[in-house]
Amino acid sequence: MQELVDIQKRLYPDLLEVMRQRYVLMQNVEHLQPVGRRALAASMNLLNGMCAVK
């Protein structure tokens, strides 16, 4: 498993950070359900799409 993570780090250096951000986003969705995108962005301190999820 660690070998796979090492390969991913070489191919996509920011992959783990993106995955962490998405995980945090999904946790917030789960805790705030039902939630709209504006309320979600406000709860995560995201303004004007500065940290858009790809």
N, C-alpha and C. Protein backbone atom coordinates (compact mmCIF):
# COMPACT_ATOMS: atom_id res chain seq x y z
N MET A 1 0.83 -1.19 0.00
CA MET A 1 0.00 0.00 0.00
C MET A 1 0.88 1.26 0.00
N GLN A 2 1.91 1.25 0.81
CA GLN A 2 2.80 2.41 0.88
C GLN A 2 3.47 2.64 -0.47
N GLU A 3 3.76 1.57 -1.18
CA GLU A 3 4.38 1.71 -2.51
C GLU A 3 3.44 2.44 -3.46
N LEU A 4 2.16 2.13 -3.39
CA LEU A 4 1.17 2.82 -4.23
C LEU A 4 1.11 4.31 -3.89
N VAL A 5 1.14 4.64 -2.61
CA VAL A 5 1.12 6.03 -2.19
C VAL A 5 2.36 6.76 -2.69
N ASP A 6 3.51 6.10 -2.62
CA ASP A 6 4.75 6.71 -3.11
C ASP A 6 4.69 6.98 -4.61
N ILE A 7 4.14 6.05 -5.37
CA ILE A 7 3.99 6.24 -6.82
C ILE A 7 3.05 7.41 -7.10
N GLN A 8 1.95 7.47 -6.36
CA GLN A 8 1.00 8.56 -6.55
C GLN A 8 1.63 9.90 -6.23
N LYS A 9 2.46 9.94 -5.21
CA LYS A 9 3.14 11.18 -4.85
C LYS A 9 4.06 11.65 -5.96
N ARG A 10 4.71 10.70 -6.63
CA ARG A 10 5.61 11.08 -7.73
C ARG A 10 4.83 11.54 -8.95
N LEU A 11 3.72 10.89 -9.24
CA LEU A 11 2.93 11.23 -10.42
C LEU A 11 2.08 12.49 -10.21
N TYR A 12 1.47 12.57 -9.04
CA TYR A 12 0.56 13.68 -8.72
C TYR A 12 0.91 14.20 -7.32
N PRO A 13 1.87 15.11 -7.22
CA PRO A 13 2.34 15.56 -5.91
C PRO A 13 1.25 16.15 -5.02
N ASP A 14 0.23 16.75 -5.59
CA ASP A 14 -0.81 17.37 -4.77
C ASP A 14 -2.03 16.48 -4.58
N LEU A 15 -1.96 15.23 -5.02
CA LEU A 15 -3.12 14.33 -4.96
C LEU A 15 -3.62 14.13 -3.53
N LEU A 16 -2.74 13.88 -2.60
CA LEU A 16 -3.17 13.62 -1.22
C LEU A 16 -3.83 14.85 -0.62
N GLU A 17 -3.33 16.03 -0.94
CA GLU A 17 -3.96 17.26 -0.42
C GLU A 17 -5.35 17.45 -1.02
N VAL A 18 -5.51 17.18 -2.30
CA VAL A 18 -6.82 17.29 -2.95
C VAL A 18 -7.79 16.29 -2.33
N MET A 19 -7.31 15.07 -2.12
CA MET A 19 -8.17 14.05 -1.51
C MET A 19 -8.56 14.45 -0.09
N ARG A 20 -7.65 15.06 0.66
CA ARG A 20 -7.95 15.51 2.01
C ARG A 20 -9.01 16.61 1.99
N GLN A 21 -8.87 17.56 1.05
CA GLN A 21 -9.84 18.64 0.93
C GLN A 21 -11.22 18.11 0.59
N ARG A 22 -11.28 17.15 -0.30
CA ARG A 22 -12.57 16.56 -0.68
C ARG A 22 -13.19 15.81 0.48
N TYR A 23 -12.35 15.12 1.26
CA TYR A 23 -12.85 14.40 2.43
C TYR A 23 -13.45 15.37 3.44
N VAL A 24 -12.77 16.48 3.68
CA VAL A 24 -13.28 17.50 4.61
C VAL A 24 -14.60 18.06 4.08
N LEU A 25 -14.67 18.31 2.79
CA LEU A 25 -15.90 18.81 2.17
C LEU A 25 -17.05 17.83 2.40
N MET A 26 -16.79 16.55 2.16
CA MET A 26 -17.85 15.55 2.32
C MET A 26 -18.25 15.40 3.79
N GLN A 27 -17.31 15.54 4.70
CA GLN A 27 -17.65 15.51 6.12
C GLN A 27 -18.58 16.67 6.48
N ASN A 28 -18.28 17.84 5.94
CA ASN A 28 -19.14 19.00 6.20
C ASN A 28 -20.53 18.80 5.63
N VAL A 29 -20.63 18.23 4.46
CA VAL A 29 -21.94 17.96 3.85
C VAL A 29 -22.72 17.01 4.75
N GLU A 30 -22.05 15.98 5.25
CA GLU A 30 -22.72 15.02 6.11
C GLU A 30 -23.22 15.66 7.40
N HIS A 31 -22.41 16.52 8.00
CA HIS A 31 -22.78 17.12 9.28
C HIS A 31 -23.83 18.22 9.13
N LEU A 32 -23.87 18.88 7.98
CA LEU A 32 -24.76 20.02 7.80
C LEU A 32 -26.01 19.70 6.99
N GLN A 33 -26.25 18.45 6.67
CA GLN A 33 -27.38 18.09 5.82
C GLN A 33 -28.69 18.61 6.39
N PRO A 34 -29.62 19.02 5.59
CA PRO A 34 -29.46 19.42 4.19
C PRO A 34 -28.76 20.78 4.13
N VAL A 35 -27.90 20.93 3.16
CA VAL A 35 -27.13 22.16 3.05
C VAL A 35 -27.01 22.56 1.58
N GLY A 36 -27.13 23.85 1.34
CA GLY A 36 -26.94 24.36 0.00
C GLY A 36 -25.49 24.73 -0.23
N ARG A 37 -25.14 24.98 -1.46
CA ARG A 37 -23.73 25.25 -1.77
C ARG A 37 -23.24 26.55 -1.14
N ARG A 38 -24.10 27.55 -1.03
CA ARG A 38 -23.67 28.82 -0.42
C ARG A 38 -23.44 28.65 1.07
N ALA A 39 -24.34 27.95 1.74
CA ALA A 39 -24.17 27.71 3.17
C ALA A 39 -22.94 26.84 3.43
N LEU A 40 -22.71 25.88 2.56
CA LEU A 40 -21.54 25.02 2.69
C LEU A 40 -20.26 25.83 2.51
N ALA A 41 -20.23 26.68 1.50
CA ALA A 41 -19.06 27.52 1.26
C ALA A 41 -18.82 28.45 2.45
N ALA A 42 -19.88 29.00 3.00
CA ALA A 42 -19.73 29.89 4.15
C ALA A 42 -19.20 29.12 5.36
N SER A 43 -19.67 27.91 5.56
CA SER A 43 -19.21 27.13 6.71
C SER A 43 -17.76 26.70 6.57
N MET A 44 -17.27 26.62 5.33
CA MET A 44 -15.89 26.22 5.09
C MET A 44 -15.00 27.41 4.79
N ASN A 45 -15.55 28.62 4.94
CA ASN A 45 -14.80 29.85 4.68
C ASN A 45 -14.27 29.93 3.25
N LEU A 46 -15.07 29.48 2.31
CA LEU A 46 -14.72 29.57 0.89
C LEU A 46 -15.49 30.74 0.30
N LEU A 47 -14.79 31.66 -0.30
CA LEU A 47 -15.44 32.83 -0.86
C LEU A 47 -15.20 32.90 -2.36
N ASN A 48 -16.26 33.11 -3.12
CA ASN A 48 -16.19 33.33 -4.57
C ASN A 48 -15.43 32.23 -5.30
N GLY A 49 -15.57 30.97 -4.87
CA GLY A 49 -14.94 29.87 -5.59
C GLY A 49 -13.44 29.85 -5.54
N MET A 50 -12.84 30.47 -4.53
CA MET A 50 -11.38 30.53 -4.47
C MET A 50 -10.76 29.14 -4.29
N CYS A 51 -11.50 28.21 -3.76
CA CYS A 51 -10.97 26.87 -3.52
C CYS A 51 -11.94 25.86 -4.13
N ALA A 52 -12.14 25.94 -5.40
CA ALA A 52 -13.11 25.10 -6.09
C ALA A 52 -12.65 23.64 -6.10
N VAL A 53 -13.59 22.76 -5.94
CA VAL A 53 -13.30 21.33 -6.01
C VAL A 53 -13.37 20.92 -7.47
N LYS A 54 -12.38 20.25 -7.93
CA LYS A 54 -12.32 19.85 -9.34
C LYS A 54 -13.05 18.55 -9.57
